Protein backbone atom coordinates (compact mmCIF):
# COMPACT_ATOMS: atom_id res chain seq x y z
CA MET A 1 7.94 -60.52 -138.61
CA THR A 2 6.81 -57.93 -141.07
CA ASP A 3 3.26 -57.02 -141.86
CA GLN A 4 3.89 -57.93 -145.50
CA HIS A 5 4.64 -61.57 -144.78
CA PRO A 6 3.00 -62.52 -141.47
CA GLU A 7 2.91 -66.15 -142.52
CA ALA A 8 6.72 -66.39 -142.48
CA THR A 9 6.76 -67.92 -139.00
CA GLU A 10 4.00 -70.37 -139.78
CA THR A 11 5.08 -73.81 -140.86
CA HIS A 12 2.08 -74.32 -143.17
CA GLY A 13 1.31 -77.70 -141.65
CA VAL A 14 4.92 -78.87 -141.71
CA SER A 15 6.10 -79.91 -138.29
CA PRO A 16 9.75 -79.36 -137.30
CA GLN A 17 10.39 -83.11 -137.14
CA THR A 18 9.63 -83.42 -140.87
CA ILE A 19 12.69 -81.28 -141.64
CA THR A 20 15.70 -83.55 -141.53
CA GLU A 21 19.05 -82.38 -140.23
CA HIS A 22 20.45 -82.85 -143.74
CA ASP A 23 17.71 -80.60 -145.19
CA ALA A 24 18.27 -78.00 -142.49
CA LYS A 25 22.02 -77.94 -143.21
CA GLU A 26 21.36 -77.57 -146.92
CA MET A 27 18.92 -74.71 -146.29
CA ARG A 28 21.49 -72.98 -144.09
CA ARG A 29 24.14 -73.40 -146.80
CA LEU A 30 21.81 -71.93 -149.42
CA LEU A 31 20.86 -69.06 -147.12
CA HIS A 32 24.54 -68.32 -146.53
CA ASP A 33 25.26 -68.28 -150.27
CA MET A 34 22.19 -66.14 -150.95
CA ASN A 35 23.26 -63.71 -148.23
CA ASN A 36 26.73 -63.43 -149.82
CA SER A 37 25.14 -62.61 -153.18
CA LEU A 38 22.83 -60.10 -151.55
CA GLU A 39 25.83 -58.44 -149.89
CA ILE A 40 27.37 -57.76 -153.31
CA ILE A 41 24.14 -56.22 -154.58
CA LEU A 42 23.75 -54.12 -151.43
CA GLN A 43 27.31 -52.79 -151.70
CA ALA A 44 26.90 -51.97 -155.39
CA THR A 45 23.62 -50.18 -154.64
CA TYR A 46 25.30 -48.17 -151.90
CA LEU A 47 28.19 -47.21 -154.19
CA MET A 48 25.76 -46.16 -156.94
CA GLY A 49 24.21 -43.79 -154.43
CA THR A 50 27.55 -42.06 -153.86
CA VAL A 51 27.84 -40.77 -157.43
CA ASP A 52 25.92 -38.01 -159.17
CA LEU A 53 23.07 -39.47 -161.19
CA ASP A 54 20.66 -37.77 -163.54
CA GLU A 55 16.93 -38.00 -162.82
CA ASN A 56 16.59 -41.24 -164.79
CA GLY A 57 19.54 -42.78 -162.91
CA ARG A 58 18.07 -41.73 -159.54
CA GLN A 59 14.78 -43.38 -160.45
CA TRP A 60 16.57 -46.61 -161.37
CA LEU A 61 18.56 -46.45 -158.12
CA GLN A 62 15.36 -45.92 -156.12
CA LEU A 63 13.79 -48.95 -157.82
CA LEU A 64 16.91 -51.01 -157.13
CA GLU A 65 16.96 -49.93 -153.46
CA LYS A 66 13.30 -50.94 -153.08
CA GLY A 67 14.04 -54.38 -154.55
CA VAL A 68 17.12 -54.77 -152.35
CA ASP A 69 15.10 -53.89 -149.23
CA GLN A 70 12.40 -56.41 -150.16
CA THR A 71 14.99 -59.12 -150.86
CA ALA A 72 16.80 -58.47 -147.57
CA THR A 73 13.48 -58.72 -145.71
CA LEU A 74 12.60 -62.00 -147.44
CA ASN A 75 16.08 -63.35 -146.73
CA ARG A 76 15.71 -62.50 -143.02
CA GLU A 77 12.23 -64.07 -142.89
CA PHE A 78 13.47 -67.25 -144.54
CA ARG A 79 16.37 -67.45 -142.06
CA GLU A 80 13.92 -67.04 -139.17
CA LEU A 81 11.66 -69.73 -140.62
CA VAL A 82 14.55 -72.18 -140.82
CA VAL A 83 15.46 -71.40 -137.21
CA HIS A 84 11.84 -71.88 -136.19
CA MET A 85 11.64 -75.24 -137.97
CA GLN A 86 14.95 -76.54 -136.65
CA SER A 87 16.37 -76.24 -133.15
CA GLU A 88 19.99 -75.68 -134.26
CA PRO A 89 20.43 -71.87 -134.51
CA LEU A 90 21.81 -70.08 -137.53
CA ASP A 91 24.60 -67.54 -137.43
CA THR A 92 22.57 -64.46 -136.53
CA GLU A 93 25.17 -61.87 -137.52
CA ALA A 94 23.56 -58.61 -138.62
CA SER A 95 22.05 -58.63 -142.07
CA PRO A 96 23.84 -56.60 -144.77
CA ALA A 97 20.72 -54.47 -145.07
CA VAL A 98 21.32 -53.29 -141.52
CA ARG A 99 25.07 -52.69 -141.90
CA LEU A 100 25.08 -50.56 -145.05
CA PRO A 101 24.04 -46.92 -144.76
CA ARG A 102 21.54 -45.47 -147.21
CA SER A 103 22.94 -43.13 -149.81
CA ARG A 104 20.12 -40.68 -150.48
């Protein structure tokens, strides 16, 4: 877990048996859809980094990259929380944040 969100593995008083299989499947579906959306944003951010930008554009790209990194981290933490709360594992394929190179 990250230092920013150490509580991500805590269940906040919710025991794994209170999460139904139906709820776990729905959370996995939503995580999958969110990851697909994040992939589009990550690819667009990468492509923006491959073109010449003026100073203002570079600042916007830097802000976007920071937000993308934070969102990827939160997405990963949420996936780990779902795994922790339910015994059936998620597809643990590498996160898009890991697969895309940085463009700086």
